[in-house]
All heavy atoms as atom14 arrays in JSON, in Angstrom:
{
  "sequence": "ILKPLSSRIVVLRGAVLNGVCLLYSLIIFFIY",
  "atom14_mask": [
    [1, 1, 1, 1, 1, 1, 1, 1, 0, 0, 0, 0, 0, 0],
    [1, 1, 1, 1, 1, 1, 1, 1, 0, 0, 0, 0, 0, 0],
    [1, 1, 1, 1, 1, 1, 1, 1, 1, 0, 0, 0, 0, 0],
    [1, 1, 1, 1, 1, 1, 1, 0, 0, 0, 0, 0, 0, 0],
    [1, 1, 1, 1, 1, 1, 1, 1, 0, 0, 0, 0, 0, 0],
    [1, 1, 1, 1, 1, 1, 0, 0, 0, 0, 0, 0, 0, 0],
    [1, 1, 1, 1, 1, 1, 0, 0, 0, 0, 0, 0, 0, 0],
    [1, 1, 1, 1, 1, 1, 1, 1, 1, 1, 1, 0, 0, 0],
    [1, 1, 1, 1, 1, 1, 1, 1, 0, 0, 0, 0, 0, 0],
    [1, 1, 1, 1, 1, 1, 1, 0, 0, 0, 0, 0, 0, 0],
    [1, 1, 1, 1, 1, 1, 1, 0, 0, 0, 0, 0, 0, 0],
    [1, 1, 1, 1, 1, 1, 1, 1, 0, 0, 0, 0, 0, 0],
    [1, 1, 1, 1, 1, 1, 1, 1, 1, 1, 1, 0, 0, 0],
    [1, 1, 1, 1, 0, 0, 0, 0, 0, 0, 0, 0, 0, 0],
    [1, 1, 1, 1, 1, 0, 0, 0, 0, 0, 0, 0, 0, 0],
    [1, 1, 1, 1, 1, 1, 1, 0, 0, 0, 0, 0, 0, 0],
    [1, 1, 1, 1, 1, 1, 1, 1, 0, 0, 0, 0, 0, 0],
    [1, 1, 1, 1, 1, 1, 1, 1, 0, 0, 0, 0, 0, 0],
    [1, 1, 1, 1, 0, 0, 0, 0, 0, 0, 0, 0, 0, 0],
    [1, 1, 1, 1, 1, 1, 1, 0, 0, 0, 0, 0, 0, 0],
    [1, 1, 1, 1, 1, 1, 0, 0, 0, 0, 0, 0, 0, 0],
    [1, 1, 1, 1, 1, 1, 1, 1, 0, 0, 0, 0, 0, 0],
    [1, 1, 1, 1, 1, 1, 1, 1, 0, 0, 0, 0, 0, 0],
    [1, 1, 1, 1, 1, 1, 1, 1, 1, 1, 1, 1, 0, 0],
    [1, 1, 1, 1, 1, 1, 0, 0, 0, 0, 0, 0, 0, 0],
    [1, 1, 1, 1, 1, 1, 1, 1, 0, 0, 0, 0, 0, 0],
    [1, 1, 1, 1, 1, 1, 1, 1, 0, 0, 0, 0, 0, 0],
    [1, 1, 1, 1, 1, 1, 1, 1, 0, 0, 0, 0, 0, 0],
    [1, 1, 1, 1, 1, 1, 1, 1, 1, 1, 1, 0, 0, 0],
    [1, 1, 1, 1, 1, 1, 1, 1, 1, 1, 1, 0, 0, 0],
    [1, 1, 1, 1, 1, 1, 1, 1, 0, 0, 0, 0, 0, 0],
    [1, 1, 1, 1, 1, 1, 1, 1, 1, 1, 1, 1, 0, 0]
  ],
  "atom14_positions": [
    [[97.48, 91.51, 124.87], [98.28, 90.52, 124.14], [97.81, 90.39, 122.7], [98.63, 90.34, 121.77], [98.21, 89.15, 124.84], [98.83, 89.24, 126.25], [98.91, 88.07, 124.03], [98.64, 87.98, 127.07], [0.0, 0.0, 0.0], [0.0, 0.0, 0.0], [0.0, 0.0, 0.0], [0.0, 0.0, 0.0], [0.0, 0.0, 0.0], [0.0, 0.0, 0.0]],
    [[96.5, 90.36, 122.49], [95.96, 90.08, 121.16], [95.98, 91.28, 120.23], [96.14, 91.12, 119.02], [94.53, 89.55, 121.29], [94.38, 88.19, 121.98], [92.92, 87.83, 122.13], [95.11, 87.1, 121.2], [0.0, 0.0, 0.0], [0.0, 0.0, 0.0], [0.0, 0.0, 0.0], [0.0, 0.0, 0.0], [0.0, 0.0, 0.0], [0.0, 0.0, 0.0]],
    [[95.81, 92.48, 120.77], [95.73, 93.66, 119.91], [97.02, 93.89, 119.12], [96.96, 94.15, 117.9], [95.38, 94.89, 120.75], [95.19, 96.15, 119.92], [94.12, 95.98, 118.86], [93.94, 97.23, 118.02], [92.96, 97.05, 116.94], [0.0, 0.0, 0.0], [0.0, 0.0, 0.0], [0.0, 0.0, 0.0], [0.0, 0.0, 0.0], [0.0, 0.0, 0.0]],
    [[98.22, 93.84, 119.74], [99.44, 94.0, 118.94], [99.6, 92.92, 117.87], [100.08, 93.21, 116.77], [100.57, 93.91, 119.98], [99.93, 94.26, 121.26], [98.53, 93.75, 121.18], [0.0, 0.0, 0.0], [0.0, 0.0, 0.0], [0.0, 0.0, 0.0], [0.0, 0.0, 0.0], [0.0, 0.0, 0.0], [0.0, 0.0, 0.0], [0.0, 0.0, 0.0]],
    [[99.2, 91.68, 118.18], [99.28, 90.61, 117.19], [98.34, 90.88, 116.02], [98.68, 90.65, 114.86], [98.94, 89.26, 117.84], [99.91, 88.74, 118.9], [99.36, 87.48, 119.55], [101.27, 88.46, 118.27], [0.0, 0.0, 0.0], [0.0, 0.0, 0.0], [0.0, 0.0, 0.0], [0.0, 0.0, 0.0], [0.0, 0.0, 0.0], [0.0, 0.0, 0.0]],
    [[97.15, 91.4, 116.33], [96.2, 91.73, 115.28], [96.73, 92.86, 114.39], [96.59, 92.82, 113.16], [94.86, 92.14, 115.91], [93.94, 92.55, 114.93], [0.0, 0.0, 0.0], [0.0, 0.0, 0.0], [0.0, 0.0, 0.0], [0.0, 0.0, 0.0], [0.0, 0.0, 0.0], [0.0, 0.0, 0.0], [0.0, 0.0, 0.0], [0.0, 0.0, 0.0]],
    [[97.35, 93.88, 115.0], [97.92, 94.98, 114.23], [99.05, 94.49, 113.33], [99.19, 94.95, 112.18], [98.46, 96.06, 115.19], [97.42, 96.59, 115.99], [0.0, 0.0, 0.0], [0.0, 0.0, 0.0], [0.0, 0.0, 0.0], [0.0, 0.0, 0.0], [0.0, 0.0, 0.0], [0.0, 0.0, 0.0], [0.0, 0.0, 0.0], [0.0, 0.0, 0.0]],
    [[99.84, 93.56, 113.85], [100.93, 93.0, 113.05], [100.38, 92.28, 111.81], [100.92, 92.43, 110.71], [101.74, 92.03, 113.91], [102.87, 91.32, 113.19], [103.47, 90.28, 114.09], [104.42, 89.43, 113.39], [104.86, 88.27, 113.85], [104.44, 87.83, 115.02], [105.71, 87.56, 113.15], [0.0, 0.0, 0.0], [0.0, 0.0, 0.0], [0.0, 0.0, 0.0]],
    [[99.3, 91.53, 111.97], [98.7, 90.82, 110.85], [98.17, 91.8, 109.81], [98.34, 91.61, 108.6], [97.57, 89.9, 111.35], [98.16, 88.76, 112.18], [96.76, 89.33, 110.18], [97.12, 87.93, 112.9], [0.0, 0.0, 0.0], [0.0, 0.0, 0.0], [0.0, 0.0, 0.0], [0.0, 0.0, 0.0], [0.0, 0.0, 0.0], [0.0, 0.0, 0.0]],
    [[97.55, 92.89, 110.28], [96.99, 93.89, 109.37], [98.09, 94.51, 108.51], [97.95, 94.65, 107.28], [96.25, 94.98, 110.17], [95.95, 96.18, 109.29], [94.96, 94.43, 110.75], [0.0, 0.0, 0.0], [0.0, 0.0, 0.0], [0.0, 0.0, 0.0], [0.0, 0.0, 0.0], [0.0, 0.0, 0.0], [0.0, 0.0, 0.0], [0.0, 0.0, 0.0]],
    [[99.21, 94.87, 109.14], [100.31, 95.49, 108.4], [100.95, 94.49, 107.44], [101.28, 94.83, 106.3], [101.36, 96.06, 109.38], [102.58, 96.58, 108.63], [100.75, 97.19, 110.21], [0.0, 0.0, 0.0], [0.0, 0.0, 0.0], [0.0, 0.0, 0.0], [0.0, 0.0, 0.0], [0.0, 0.0, 0.0], [0.0, 0.0, 0.0], [0.0, 0.0, 0.0]],
    [[101.11, 93.24, 107.88], [101.7, 92.22, 107.01], [100.81, 91.96, 105.79], [101.32, 91.8, 104.67], [101.9, 90.92, 107.79], [103.09, 90.87, 108.74], [103.06, 89.58, 109.56], [104.4, 90.97, 107.97], [0.0, 0.0, 0.0], [0.0, 0.0, 0.0], [0.0, 0.0, 0.0], [0.0, 0.0, 0.0], [0.0, 0.0, 0.0], [0.0, 0.0, 0.0]],
    [[99.51, 91.93, 105.99], [98.61, 91.74, 104.85], [98.73, 92.89, 103.85], [98.77, 92.67, 102.63], [97.16, 91.64, 105.34], [96.82, 90.32, 105.99], [95.36, 90.31, 106.41], [94.93, 89.0, 106.87], [93.68, 88.71, 107.22], [92.76, 89.65, 107.17], [93.36, 87.5, 107.62], [0.0, 0.0, 0.0], [0.0, 0.0, 0.0], [0.0, 0.0, 0.0]],
    [[98.79, 94.12, 104.37], [98.97, 95.27, 103.49], [100.29, 95.22, 102.75], [100.36, 95.57, 101.56], [0.0, 0.0, 0.0], [0.0, 0.0, 0.0], [0.0, 0.0, 0.0], [0.0, 0.0, 0.0], [0.0, 0.0, 0.0], [0.0, 0.0, 0.0], [0.0, 0.0, 0.0], [0.0, 0.0, 0.0], [0.0, 0.0, 0.0], [0.0, 0.0, 0.0]],
    [[101.34, 94.76, 103.43], [102.65, 94.65, 102.79], [102.64, 93.61, 101.67], [103.21, 93.82, 100.59], [103.72, 94.3, 103.83], [0.0, 0.0, 0.0], [0.0, 0.0, 0.0], [0.0, 0.0, 0.0], [0.0, 0.0, 0.0], [0.0, 0.0, 0.0], [0.0, 0.0, 0.0], [0.0, 0.0, 0.0], [0.0, 0.0, 0.0], [0.0, 0.0, 0.0]],
    [[101.98, 92.48, 101.91], [101.9, 91.43, 100.88], [101.11, 91.94, 99.68], [101.5, 91.7, 98.52], [101.26, 90.16, 101.46], [100.98, 89.15, 100.35], [102.18, 89.52, 102.5], [0.0, 0.0, 0.0], [0.0, 0.0, 0.0], [0.0, 0.0, 0.0], [0.0, 0.0, 0.0], [0.0, 0.0, 0.0], [0.0, 0.0, 0.0], [0.0, 0.0, 0.0]],
    [[100.01, 92.63, 99.92], [99.22, 93.18, 98.81], [100.06, 94.15, 97.98], [100.06, 94.09, 96.74], [97.98, 93.89, 99.35], [97.14, 94.64, 98.31], [96.58, 93.68, 97.26], [96.02, 95.42, 98.98], [0.0, 0.0, 0.0], [0.0, 0.0, 0.0], [0.0, 0.0, 0.0], [0.0, 0.0, 0.0], [0.0, 0.0, 0.0], [0.0, 0.0, 0.0]],
    [[100.8, 95.04, 98.64], [101.66, 95.97, 97.92], [102.76, 95.24, 97.16], [103.15, 95.64, 96.06], [102.27, 96.98, 98.89], [101.31, 98.08, 99.27], [100.69, 98.72, 98.42], [101.15, 98.32, 100.55], [0.0, 0.0, 0.0], [0.0, 0.0, 0.0], [0.0, 0.0, 0.0], [0.0, 0.0, 0.0], [0.0, 0.0, 0.0], [0.0, 0.0, 0.0]],
    [[103.27, 94.16, 97.76], [104.3, 93.37, 97.08], [103.77, 92.72, 95.82], [104.45, 92.69, 94.79], [0.0, 0.0, 0.0], [0.0, 0.0, 0.0], [0.0, 0.0, 0.0], [0.0, 0.0, 0.0], [0.0, 0.0, 0.0], [0.0, 0.0, 0.0], [0.0, 0.0, 0.0], [0.0, 0.0, 0.0], [0.0, 0.0, 0.0], [0.0, 0.0, 0.0]],
    [[102.54, 92.2, 95.89], [101.93, 91.58, 94.7], [101.7, 92.63, 93.62], [101.96, 92.39, 92.43], [100.6, 90.9, 95.08], [99.84, 90.45, 93.84], [100.87, 89.69, 95.98], [0.0, 0.0, 0.0], [0.0, 0.0, 0.0], [0.0, 0.0, 0.0], [0.0, 0.0, 0.0], [0.0, 0.0, 0.0], [0.0, 0.0, 0.0], [0.0, 0.0, 0.0]],
    [[101.24, 93.82, 94.01], [101.04, 94.91, 93.03], [102.38, 95.32, 92.41], [102.45, 95.57, 91.19], [100.4, 96.11, 93.72], [98.69, 95.85, 94.25], [0.0, 0.0, 0.0], [0.0, 0.0, 0.0], [0.0, 0.0, 0.0], [0.0, 0.0, 0.0], [0.0, 0.0, 0.0], [0.0, 0.0, 0.0], [0.0, 0.0, 0.0], [0.0, 0.0, 0.0]],
    [[103.44, 95.38, 93.22], [104.75, 95.72, 92.68], [105.25, 94.64, 91.73], [105.87, 94.94, 90.69], [105.75, 95.91, 93.84], [107.2, 96.24, 93.45], [107.25, 97.52, 92.61], [108.07, 96.38, 94.7], [0.0, 0.0, 0.0], [0.0, 0.0, 0.0], [0.0, 0.0, 0.0], [0.0, 0.0, 0.0], [0.0, 0.0, 0.0], [0.0, 0.0, 0.0]],
    [[104.97, 93.38, 92.06], [105.38, 92.27, 91.2], [104.71, 92.37, 89.83], [105.36, 92.24, 88.79], [105.02, 90.95, 91.88], [105.46, 89.67, 91.18], [106.96, 89.62, 91.02], [104.97, 88.45, 91.95], [0.0, 0.0, 0.0], [0.0, 0.0, 0.0], [0.0, 0.0, 0.0], [0.0, 0.0, 0.0], [0.0, 0.0, 0.0], [0.0, 0.0, 0.0]],
    [[103.41, 92.61, 89.81], [102.71, 92.79, 88.54], [103.23, 94.01, 87.78], [103.34, 93.99, 86.55], [101.21, 92.92, 88.78], [100.49, 91.61, 88.93], [99.94, 91.22, 90.14], [100.35, 90.76, 87.84], [99.28, 90.0, 90.28], [99.67, 89.55, 87.97], [99.15, 89.18, 89.19], [98.49, 87.96, 89.32], [0.0, 0.0, 0.0], [0.0, 0.0, 0.0]],
    [[103.54, 95.09, 88.51], [104.05, 96.31, 87.87], [105.39, 96.06, 87.2], [105.63, 96.54, 86.08], [104.17, 97.43, 88.91], [102.93, 97.72, 89.52], [0.0, 0.0, 0.0], [0.0, 0.0, 0.0], [0.0, 0.0, 0.0], [0.0, 0.0, 0.0], [0.0, 0.0, 0.0], [0.0, 0.0, 0.0], [0.0, 0.0, 0.0], [0.0, 0.0, 0.0]],
    [[106.26, 95.3, 87.86], [107.56, 94.99, 87.26], [107.42, 94.1, 86.03], [108.17, 94.25, 85.06], [108.46, 94.33, 88.31], [108.97, 95.24, 89.43], [109.68, 94.43, 90.5], [109.9, 96.32, 88.88], [0.0, 0.0, 0.0], [0.0, 0.0, 0.0], [0.0, 0.0, 0.0], [0.0, 0.0, 0.0], [0.0, 0.0, 0.0], [0.0, 0.0, 0.0]],
    [[106.48, 93.17, 86.08], [106.24, 92.32, 84.91], [105.75, 93.16, 83.73], [106.2, 92.99, 82.59], [105.23, 91.21, 85.25], [105.85, 90.23, 86.27], [104.8, 90.46, 84.0], [104.88, 89.2, 86.8], [0.0, 0.0, 0.0], [0.0, 0.0, 0.0], [0.0, 0.0, 0.0], [0.0, 0.0, 0.0], [0.0, 0.0, 0.0], [0.0, 0.0, 0.0]],
    [[104.83, 94.09, 84.02], [104.34, 94.99, 82.97], [105.49, 95.86, 82.43], [105.61, 96.08, 81.22], [103.2, 95.88, 83.52], [101.99, 95.02, 83.86], [102.83, 96.96, 82.5], [100.89, 95.78, 84.58], [0.0, 0.0, 0.0], [0.0, 0.0, 0.0], [0.0, 0.0, 0.0], [0.0, 0.0, 0.0], [0.0, 0.0, 0.0], [0.0, 0.0, 0.0]],
    [[106.35, 96.33, 83.34], [107.49, 97.15, 82.94], [108.44, 96.36, 82.05], [108.96, 96.87, 81.04], [108.2, 97.65, 84.19], [109.29, 98.66, 83.93], [109.25, 99.49, 82.82], [110.36, 98.76, 84.8], [110.25, 100.42, 82.58], [111.37, 99.68, 84.57], [111.31, 100.52, 83.45], [0.0, 0.0, 0.0], [0.0, 0.0, 0.0], [0.0, 0.0, 0.0]],
    [[108.67, 95.11, 82.39], [109.56, 94.26, 81.6], [108.98, 94.03, 80.19], [109.69, 94.15, 79.19], [109.76, 92.93, 82.32], [110.63, 91.96, 81.58], [112.0, 92.13, 81.51], [110.08, 90.87, 80.92], [112.81, 91.24, 80.82], [110.88, 89.97, 80.23], [112.24, 90.16, 80.18], [0.0, 0.0, 0.0], [0.0, 0.0, 0.0], [0.0, 0.0, 0.0]],
    [[107.69, 93.73, 80.14], [107.04, 93.52, 78.84], [107.05, 94.81, 78.02], [107.31, 94.8, 76.81], [105.6, 93.01, 79.04], [105.63, 91.62, 79.69], [104.85, 92.95, 77.71], [104.27, 91.1, 80.09], [0.0, 0.0, 0.0], [0.0, 0.0, 0.0], [0.0, 0.0, 0.0], [0.0, 0.0, 0.0], [0.0, 0.0, 0.0], [0.0, 0.0, 0.0]],
    [[106.81, 95.95, 78.68], [106.8, 97.24, 77.98], [108.18, 97.54, 77.41], [108.29, 98.05, 76.28], [106.37, 98.34, 78.95], [106.47, 99.73, 78.38], [105.52, 100.19, 77.46], [107.51, 100.58, 78.73], [105.61, 101.46, 76.93], [107.6, 101.85, 78.21], [106.65, 102.29, 77.31], [106.75, 103.55, 76.77], [0.0, 0.0, 0.0], [0.0, 0.0, 0.0]]
  ]
}
């Protein structure tokens, strides 16, 4: 029961980190 939930959290954390990096990249692109 717990292992799939843990894997889901790991992937969601990675997705949020990539989203934050993309957000900063778009801001830099807009300023550029």
